[in-house]
Structures are given as C-alpha cells and as structure tokens.
C-alpha atoms as a PDB file:
ATOM      1  CA  MET A   1     104.279  36.348 -21.903  1.00  0.00           C
ATOM      2  CA  ILE A   2     104.786  39.199 -24.317  1.00  0.00           C
ATOM      3  CA  ARG A   3     102.409  37.503 -26.656  1.00  0.00           C
ATOM      4  CA  ARG A   4      99.650  37.458 -24.045  1.00  0.00           C
ATOM      5  CA  ILE A   5     100.064  41.181 -23.336  1.00  0.00           C
ATOM      6  CA  ILE A   6      99.837  42.018 -27.022  1.00  0.00           C
ATOM      7  CA  ILE A   7      96.541  40.039 -27.377  1.00  0.00           C
ATOM      8  CA  ILE A   8      95.032  41.892 -24.343  1.00  0.00           C
ATOM      9  CA  LEU A   9      96.028  45.224 -25.774  1.00  0.00           C
ATOM     10  CA  ILE A  10      94.368  44.367 -29.133  1.00  0.00           C
ATOM     11  CA  VAL A  11      91.157  43.344 -27.426  1.00  0.00           C
ATOM     12  CA  THR A  12      91.138  46.450 -25.355  1.00  0.00           C
ATOM     13  CA  LEU A  13      91.434  48.682 -28.400  1.00  0.00           C
ATOM     14  CA  VAL A  14      88.659  46.854 -30.203  1.00  0.00           C
ATOM     15  CA  ILE A  15      86.241  47.284 -27.290  1.00  0.00           C
ATOM     16  CA  THR A  16      87.138  50.988 -26.989  1.00  0.00           C
ATOM     17  CA  SER A  17      86.444  51.633 -30.633  1.00  0.00           C
ATOM     18  CA  CYS A  18      83.038  49.919 -30.565  1.00  0.00           C
ATOM     19  CA  ALA A  19      81.914  51.949 -27.486  1.00  0.00           C
ATOM     20  CA  ALA A  20      82.843  55.212 -29.025  1.00  0.00           C
ATOM     21  CA  ALA A  21      81.059  54.630 -32.304  1.00  0.00           C
ATOM     22  CA  ALA A  22      78.144  56.879 -32.874  1.00  0.00           C
ATOM     23  CA  PRO A  23      74.924  55.555 -34.328  1.00  0.00           C
ATOM     24  CA  ALA A  24      74.458  55.846 -38.006  1.00  0.00           C
ATOM     25  CA  PRO A  25      72.593  58.982 -39.133  1.00  0.00           C
ATOM     26  CA  THR A  26      70.092  56.851 -40.898  1.00  0.00           C
ATOM     27  CA  GLU A  27      69.059  54.971 -37.829  1.00  0.00           C
ATOM     28  CA  ALA A  28      65.805  56.181 -36.262  1.00  0.00           C
ATOM     29  CA  PRO A  29      65.784  56.555 -32.569  1.00  0.00           C
ATOM     30  CA  VAL A  30      63.936  53.933 -30.757  1.00  0.00           C
ATOM     31  CA  ALA A  31      60.602  55.255 -29.629  1.00  0.00           C
ATOM     32  CA  THR A  32      60.327  54.954 -25.913  1.00  0.00           C
ATOM     33  CA  GLU A  33      56.816  56.518 -25.392  1.00  0.00           C
ATOM     34  CA  GLU A  34      53.643  56.193 -27.366  1.00  0.00           C
ATOM     35  CA  PRO A  35      52.340  59.527 -28.757  1.00  0.00           C
ATOM     36  CA  PRO A  36      49.346  60.960 -26.899  1.00  0.00           C
ATOM     37  CA  THR A  37      46.042  59.872 -28.397  1.00  0.00           C
ATOM     38  CA  ALA A  38      43.003  62.146 -28.799  1.00  0.00           C
ATOM     39  CA  THR A  39      40.420  61.822 -25.971  1.00  0.00           C
ATOM     40  CA  GLU A  40      36.811  62.775 -25.925  1.00  0.00           C
ATOM     41  CA  PRO A  41      35.940  65.943 -23.960  1.00  0.00           C
ATOM     42  CA  PRO A  42      34.501  65.208 -20.565  1.00  0.00           C
ATOM     43  CA  ALA A  43      30.705  65.132 -20.467  1.00  0.00           C
ATOM     44  CA  ILE A  44      29.161  68.372 -19.089  1.00  0.00           C
ATOM     45  CA  GLN A  45      26.717  67.670 -16.325  1.00  0.00           C
ATOM     46  CA  SER A  46      23.545  69.771 -16.540  1.00  0.00           C
ATOM     47  CA  LEU A  47      22.554  71.698 -13.471  1.00  0.00           C
ATOM     48  CA  GLU A  48      18.876  71.551 -14.406  1.00  0.00           C
ATOM     49  CA  ALA A  49      16.741  68.888 -12.860  1.00  0.00           C
ATOM     50  CA  PRO A  50      15.869  66.102 -15.216  1.00  0.00           C
ATOM     51  CA  THR A  51      12.366  66.357 -16.676  1.00  0.00           C
ATOM     52  CA  ARG A  52      10.194  63.660 -15.161  1.00  0.00           C
ATOM     53  CA  GLN A  53       7.933  62.077 -17.733  1.00  0.00           C
ATOM     54  CA  PRO A  54       4.359  61.883 -16.517  1.00  0.00           C
ATOM     55  CA  THR A  55       3.192  58.432 -15.575  1.00  0.00           C
ATOM     56  CA  VAL A  56       0.256  57.387 -17.711  1.00  0.00           C
ATOM     57  CA  VAL A  57      -2.359  55.664 -15.658  1.00  0.00           C
ATOM     58  CA  GLU A  58      -5.032  53.797 -17.485  1.00  0.00           C
ATOM     59  CA  THR A  59      -8.469  54.283 -15.860  1.00  0.00           C
ATOM     60  CA  SER A  60     -11.638  52.582 -16.753  1.00  0.00           C
ATOM     61  CA  THR A  61     -14.560  54.889 -17.356  1.00  0.00           C
ATOM     62  CA  SER A  62     -17.730  53.499 -15.951  1.00  0.00           C
ATOM     63  CA  ALA A  63     -20.967  53.719 -17.956  1.00  0.00           C
ATOM     64  CA  PRO A  64     -23.099  56.660 -16.715  1.00  0.00           C
ATOM     65  CA  THR A  65     -25.858  55.668 -14.357  1.00  0.00           C
ATOM     66  CA  PRO A  66     -29.247  56.216 -15.924  1.00  0.00           C
ATOM     67  CA  THR A  67     -31.254  58.884 -14.185  1.00  0.00           C
ATOM     68  CA  GLN A  68     -34.117  57.316 -12.236  1.00  0.00           C
ATOM     69  CA  VAL A  69     -37.444  58.878 -13.021  1.00  0.00           C
ATOM     70  CA  LEU A  70     -39.680  58.920 -10.041  1.00  0.00           C
ATOM     71  CA  PRO A  71     -43.283  58.234 -10.670  1.00  0.00           C
ATOM     72  CA  THR A  72     -45.760  61.007 -10.111  1.00  0.00           C
ATOM     73  CA  PRO A  73     -47.477  60.460  -6.733  1.00  0.00           C
ATOM     74  CA  THR A  74     -51.109  59.633  -7.087  1.00  0.00           C
ATOM     75  CA  ASP A  75     -53.844  59.244  -4.523  1.00  0.00           C
ATOM     76  CA  THR A  76     -54.243  55.598  -3.497  1.00  0.00           C
ATOM     77  CA  PRO A  77     -57.912  54.805  -3.196  1.00  0.00           C
ATOM     78  CA  LEU A  78     -58.904  53.344   0.191  1.00  0.00           C
ATOM     79  CA  PRO A  79     -60.532  49.952   0.183  1.00  0.00           C
ATOM     80  CA  THR A  80     -64.356  49.920   0.143  1.00  0.00           C
ATOM     81  CA  LEU A  81     -65.977  49.700   3.567  1.00  0.00           C
ATOM     82  CA  GLU A  82     -67.679  46.526   4.331  1.00  0.00           C
ATOM     83  CA  LEU A  83     -71.124  47.482   5.658  1.00  0.00           C
ATOM     84  CA  PRO A  84     -73.042  45.336   8.115  1.00  0.00           C
ATOM     85  CA  THR A  85     -76.127  43.620   6.944  1.00  0.00           C
ATOM     86  CA  GLU A  86     -79.140  45.722   7.211  1.00  0.00           C
ATOM     87  CA  PRO A  87     -81.205  44.513  10.169  1.00  0.00           C
ATOM     88  CA  VAL A  88     -84.602  42.966   9.627  1.00  0.00           C
ATOM     89  CA  ASN A  89     -87.524  45.254  10.589  1.00  0.00           C
ATOM     90  CA  PRO A  90     -85.218  47.985  11.915  1.00  0.00           C
ATOM     91  CA  PRO A  91     -86.572  50.967  13.862  1.00  0.00           C
ATOM     92  CA  ALA A  92     -87.306  54.154  11.913  1.00  0.00           C
ATOM     93  CA  ARG A  93     -84.405  55.907  13.539  1.00  0.00           C
ATOM     94  CA  MET A  94     -81.240  54.666  15.244  1.00  0.00           C
ATOM     95  CA  VAL A  95     -78.656  56.611  17.237  1.00  0.00           C
ATOM     96  CA  TRP A  96     -74.889  57.000  17.162  1.00  0.00           C
ATOM     97  CA  ASP A  97     -73.181  58.202  20.315  1.00  0.00           C
ATOM     98  CA  GLY A  98     -69.575  59.166  20.653  1.00  0.00           C
ATOM     99  CA  THR A  99     -66.926  61.211  22.434  1.00  0.00           C
ATOM    100  CA  PRO A 100     -66.738  64.864  21.383  1.00  0.00           C
ATOM    101  CA  THR A 101     -63.648  65.700  19.436  1.00  0.00           C
ATOM    102  CA  TYR A 102     -63.115  69.031  21.288  1.00  0.00           C
ATOM    103  CA  LEU A 103     -63.127  67.839  24.904  1.00  0.00           C
ATOM    104  CA  GLY A 104     -61.498  71.118  26.106  1.00  0.00           C
ATOM    105  CA  ASP A 105     -64.440  73.064  24.779  1.00  0.00           C
ATOM    106  CA  SER A 106     -67.060  70.554  25.922  1.00  0.00           C
ATOM    107  CA  GLU A 107     -68.699  70.035  29.270  1.00  0.00           C
ATOM    108  CA  PRO A 108     -67.291  66.962  30.935  1.00  0.00           C
ATOM    109  CA  GLY A 109     -69.432  63.865  31.219  1.00  0.00           C
ATOM    110  CA  TYR A 110     -71.315  64.275  27.983  1.00  0.00           C
ATOM    111  CA  ALA A 111     -71.284  62.510  24.603  1.00  0.00           C
ATOM    112  CA  PHE A 112     -72.623  63.533  21.268  1.00  0.00           C
ATOM    113  CA  ARG A 113     -75.619  61.821  19.651  1.00  0.00           C
ATOM    114  CA  VAL A 114     -76.892  61.914  16.134  1.00  0.00           C
ATOM    115  CA  THR A 115     -79.927  60.030  14.745  1.00  0.00           C
ATOM    116  CA  TYR A 116     -79.897  58.291  11.348  1.00  0.00           C
ATOM    117  CA  ASP A 117     -82.091  56.222   9.059  1.00  0.00           C
ATOM    118  CA  PRO A 118     -80.786  52.587   9.082  1.00  0.00           C
ATOM    119  CA  ASP A 119     -82.132  52.172   5.545  1.00  0.00           C
ATOM    120  CA  LEU A 120     -79.750  54.812   4.309  1.00  0.00           C
ATOM    121  CA  TRP A 121     -76.852  54.600   6.808  1.00  0.00           C
ATOM    122  CA  ALA A 122     -74.884  51.815   8.436  1.00  0.00           C
ATOM    123  CA  LEU A 123     -72.775  52.316  11.649  1.00  0.00           C
ATOM    124  CA  THR A 124     -69.358  50.760  10.967  1.00  0.00           C
ATOM    125  CA  THR A 125     -65.666  51.595  11.259  1.00  0.00           C
ATOM    126  CA  ASP A 126     -63.606  53.436   8.625  1.00  0.00           C
ATOM    127  CA  GLN A 127     -60.291  52.335   7.119  1.00  0.00           C
ATOM    128  CA  MET A 128     -58.462  53.737  10.113  1.00  0.00           C
ATOM    129  CA  GLY A 129     -60.554  51.863  12.598  1.00  0.00           C
ATOM    130  CA  PHE A 130     -62.647  54.749  13.869  1.00  0.00           C
ATOM    131  CA  PRO A 131     -66.492  54.743  14.110  1.00  0.00           C
ATOM    132  CA  ALA A 132     -68.200  56.023  11.008  1.00  0.00           C
ATOM    133  CA  LEU A 133     -71.585  56.223   9.279  1.00  0.00           C
ATOM    134  CA  ALA A 134     -71.426  54.899   5.668  1.00  0.00           C
ATOM    135  CA  HIS A 135     -74.193  55.514   3.142  1.00  0.00           C
ATOM    136  CA  ARG A 136     -75.727  52.302   1.903  1.00  0.00           C
ATOM    137  CA  ASN A 137     -76.754  53.700  -1.492  1.00  0.00           C
ATOM    138  CA  ILE A 138     -73.911  56.105  -2.266  1.00  0.00           C
ATOM    139  CA  PRO A 139     -70.431  54.403  -2.365  1.00  0.00           C
ATOM    140  CA  GLY A 140     -67.760  56.488  -0.629  1.00  0.00           C
ATOM    141  CA  CYS A 141     -70.168  58.686   1.182  1.00  0.00           C
ATOM    142  CA  ILE A 142     -68.933  58.508   4.853  1.00  0.00           C
ATOM    143  CA  ILE A 143     -69.363  60.581   7.976  1.00  0.00           C
ATOM    144  CA  THR A 144     -66.562  60.370  10.549  1.00  0.00           C
ATOM    145  CA  PRO A 145     -65.651  62.379  13.657  1.00  0.00           C
ATOM    146  CA  THR A 146     -62.729  64.741  13.069  1.00  0.00           C
ATOM    147  CA  SER A 147     -60.820  67.769  14.416  1.00  0.00           C
ATOM    148  CA  GLY A 148     -58.899  70.682  12.979  1.00  0.00           C
ATOM    149  CA  ARG A 149     -55.732  69.883  10.996  1.00  0.00           C
ATOM    150  CA  GLY A 150     -53.443  71.401   8.407  1.00  0.00           C
ATOM    151  CA  LEU A 151     -54.190  71.267   4.724  1.00  0.00           C
ATOM    152  CA  PRO A 152     -51.948  71.019   1.624  1.00  0.00           C
ATOM    153  CA  ALA A 153     -51.025  74.305  -0.057  1.00  0.00           C
ATOM    154  CA  ASN A 154     -52.927  73.452  -3.273  1.00  0.00           C
ATOM    155  CA  THR A 155     -56.276  73.359  -1.375  1.00  0.00           C
ATOM    156  CA  THR A 156     -58.821  76.119  -0.881  1.00  0.00           C
ATOM    157  CA  VAL A 157     -61.407  76.428   1.871  1.00  0.00           C
ATOM    158  CA  GLU A 158     -64.806  78.064   1.671  1.00  0.00           C
ATOM    159  CA  HIS A 159     -66.624  78.811   4.971  1.00  0.00           C
ATOM    160  CA  ASP A 160     -70.340  78.790   5.617  1.00  0.00           C
ATOM    161  CA  LEU A 161     -72.765  78.497   8.595  1.00  0.00           C
ATOM    162  CA  LEU A 162     -75.461  75.898   9.145  1.00  0.00           C
ATOM    163  CA  LYS A 163     -77.971  76.777  11.876  1.00  0.00           C
ATOM    164  CA  THR A 164     -80.870  74.657  13.132  1.00  0.00           C
ATOM    165  CA  ASP A 165     -83.126  75.093  16.136  1.00  0.00           C
ATOM    166  CA  THR A 166     -80.648  73.267  18.435  1.00  0.00           C
ATOM    167  CA  VAL A 167     -77.208  73.383  16.811  1.00  0.00           C
ATOM    168  CA  THR A 168     -74.962  75.711  14.831  1.00  0.00           C
ATOM    169  CA  PHE A 169     -72.186  74.353  12.568  1.00  0.00           C
ATOM    170  CA  ASP A 170     -69.213  76.079  11.012  1.00  0.00           C
ATOM    171  CA  VAL A 171     -69.051  74.509   7.574  1.00  0.00           C
ATOM    172  CA  SER A 172     -65.674  74.225   5.708  1.00  0.00           C
ATOM    173  CA  VAL A 173     -65.789  73.076   2.076  1.00  0.00           C
ATOM    174  CA  VAL A 174     -62.309  71.946   1.054  1.00  0.00           C
ATOM    175  CA  SER A 175     -61.429  71.865  -2.654  1.00  0.00           C
ATOM    176  CA  GLU A 176     -58.285  70.798  -4.341  1.00  0.00           C
ATOM    177  CA  ASN A 177     -57.416  72.215  -7.813  1.00  0.00           C
ATOM    178  CA  GLY A 178     -61.072  73.305  -8.076  1.00  0.00           C
ATOM    179  CA  VAL A 179     -62.461  69.952  -7.193  1.00  0.00           C
ATOM    180  CA  LYS A 180     -64.463  69.491  -4.007  1.00  0.00           C
ATOM    181  CA  LYS A 181     -62.727  66.909  -1.765  1.00  0.00           C
ATOM    182  CA  PHE A 182     -64.492  66.894   1.560  1.00  0.00           C
ATOM    183  CA  VAL A 183     -66.623  69.016   3.896  1.00  0.00           C
ATOM    184  CA  THR A 184     -66.287  69.478   7.647  1.00  0.00           C
ATOM    185  CA  TYR A 185     -68.992  70.519  10.112  1.00  0.00           C
ATOM    186  CA  THR A 186     -67.838  71.832  13.497  1.00  0.00           C
ATOM    187  CA  GLY A 187     -70.342  72.898  16.138  1.00  0.00           C
ATOM    188  CA  GLY A 188     -72.411  71.914  19.208  1.00  0.00           C
ATOM    189  CA  ASP A 189     -75.510  72.427  21.182  1.00  0.00           C
ATOM    190  CA  GLY A 190     -74.059  74.768  23.795  1.00  0.00           C
ATOM    191  CA  ARG A 191     -72.863  71.849  25.987  1.00  0.00           C
ATOM    192  CA  ILE A 192     -70.438  70.010  23.664  1.00  0.00           C
ATOM    193  CA  VAL A 193     -68.329  70.979  20.714  1.00  0.00           C
ATOM    194  CA  THR A 194     -67.469  68.308  18.168  1.00  0.00           C
ATOM    195  CA  ALA A 195     -66.676  68.038  14.433  1.00  0.00           C
ATOM    196  CA  PHE A 196     -67.525  65.673  11.584  1.00  0.00           C
ATOM    197  CA  GLU A 197     -66.020  65.146   8.193  1.00  0.00           C
ATOM    198  CA  VAL A 198     -68.044  64.048   5.189  1.00  0.00           C
ATOM    199  CA  VAL A 199     -66.125  62.502   2.262  1.00  0.00           C
ATOM    200  CA  PHE A 200     -67.537  61.384  -1.083  1.00  0.00           C
ATOM    201  CA  GLU A 201     -66.599  59.944  -4.416  1.00  0.00           C
ATOM    202  CA  GLU A 202     -69.719  60.577  -6.528  1.00  0.00           C
ATOM    203  CA  HIS A 203     -73.185  62.028  -6.136  1.00  0.00           C
ATOM    204  CA  VAL A 204     -71.711  64.831  -3.998  1.00  0.00           C
ATOM    205  CA  ASP A 205     -74.772  66.938  -3.576  1.00  0.00           C
ATOM    206  CA  GLU A 206     -76.978  63.949  -2.688  1.00  0.00           C
ATOM    207  CA  CYS A 207     -74.402  62.722  -0.247  1.00  0.00           C
ATOM    208  CA  LEU A 208     -74.033  66.089   1.470  1.00  0.00           C
ATOM    209  CA  ALA A 209     -77.841  66.536   1.691  1.00  0.00           C
ATOM    210  CA  ASP A 210     -78.263  63.167   3.469  1.00  0.00           C
ATOM    211  CA  ALA A 211     -75.320  63.931   5.739  1.00  0.00           C
ATOM    212  CA  VAL A 212     -76.797  67.292   6.780  1.00  0.00           C
ATOM    213  CA  THR A 213     -80.049  65.521   7.688  1.00  0.00           C
ATOM    214  CA  VAL A 214     -78.084  63.307  10.093  1.00  0.00           C
ATOM    215  CA  LEU A 215     -75.880  66.075  11.557  1.00  0.00           C
ATOM    216  CA  SER A 216     -78.790  68.425  12.144  1.00  0.00           C
ATOM    217  CA  THR A 217     -79.964  66.012  14.838  1.00  0.00           C
ATOM    218  CA  LEU A 218     -76.849  66.571  16.959  1.00  0.00           C
ATOM    219  CA  THR A 219     -77.415  66.734  20.636  1.00  0.00           C
ATOM    220  CA  SER A 220     -75.610  65.921  23.898  1.00  0.00           C
ATOM    221  CA  VAL A 221     -76.473  63.061  26.272  1.00  0.00           C
ATOM    222  CA  PRO A 222     -74.852  62.031  29.557  1.00  0.00           C
ATOM    223  CA  VAL A 223     -72.100  59.430  29.116  1.00  0.00           C
ATOM    224  CA  SER A 224     -74.021  57.118  31.389  1.00  0.00           C
ATOM    225  CA  ARG A 225     -76.833  57.033  28.852  1.00  0.00           C
ATOM    226  CA  ALA A 226     -74.687  56.761  25.732  1.00  0.00           C
ATOM    227  CA  THR A 227     -74.740  53.591  23.653  1.00  0.00           C
ATOM    228  CA  PRO A 228     -71.414  51.833  23.284  1.00  0.00           C
ATOM    229  CA  GLN A 229     -69.355  52.532  20.150  1.00  0.00           C
ATOM    230  CA  PRO A 230     -68.909  49.701  17.762  1.00  0.00           C
END
C-alpha cells in the first residue's frame, strides 16, 4: 500500500513539473494568422458618360444621272394637201360659199361667197379638216377661213387696208424673226364680216397676188342660195 502511494506521488510531481516548464527561448511562436497581403486599390468609377463611338455606316454612292438634253423644238411641216383632179372643161369661174367667221357682226341668214379660177385653185379641206382653197401651181399656198387669235411673243404684225368697190379688208402681215409667215384679211361687204388666212412656203408675192384676186370678189349671198361646203 505504501508503495502504491509513493508511485502516485512521483507521477504527480512529474506531471506538475512538465506543465510548469516554459518554452525554450529559441522556440518561435506558432503563427496563428497569416500576415495581411497587399491589395489593389479599388477602381475609381468615372462620373462622365462613356464616349459613344460613332457607328460607321457604309453607303453606296450611285452614279450621277446624266442630264437629259431636250431637243430644240422645231416646226413640224404639215403634210401636203391632196388636191382634187382638175375637172374637164371647167367653167371660167367657180364659187366657194361658207359661213362667216364673225357671226355676231354679220347679218343672220347670209353666207360669204368668193369666186376663183379652177385652173389656179382647187376647193379642198386643209390638214385640220376645214374647207380651203389650195393653189395648184404654188405648193403650200392656201386660203382658209379664220378668226382673231393670239400670237407668239416673237412675232410682229404690220397692218394695212385693202379696199375694192364692194369690200374693205383689214390686212395683217405676221412675221416671225423678220420672216413673213402668213397674212390675214378681215372684212366684209356691209352685210357680213369674215376673215381669211393665207399661208405660203415659197413664191410669197405671187401667192399673195393670186389670193387677193380671189378675196376681192367677196360678197354675201342668202344661205338658201349657198352651195354646200365640201
């Protein structure tokens, strides 16, 4: 029994001496925490709005359209009138009757009448379908009924009077850029007022002389006696 007590005491002393022993001065303390590591500074957010890069849009450039050059307007010649065949053994004079072109200034119930030489003139219709006298020997020399109308700005008009024993005409010579284009004859016999236009292409003086010979015969006849128009 005493022996057991002695052993217990020895063990107790050994344990006490081990617990009280301080660590050796050369022993380094055990590191319990890792040293702080260097960190990058937080990024500074800019208050300015981010610059937006312009979007490049590729466009195809079309070839320029060539400028269209308009042709200079020119006078289109009218087709040549087809004249009726000259009658065999015609009378020396034939008549052309028609409606006066100024009905408001004419006495109702009357037509105009002019007399012409069938060897020189043919009663036909012009390119517009109206009655006309066409010269057989001078191409383009034509007499047609007409009335007043406007004229282009580049035309000039010269006025004259033509008086015979029975009729008086106001003559208007129309020229364009100094070139005589046509002549109008407006007049009557005191009962009717009508007008005629004389156009030409060549032999102007000869055409006008033959036309005046026809128009100087102007007179009025009752409609009941007038010959039908072609």
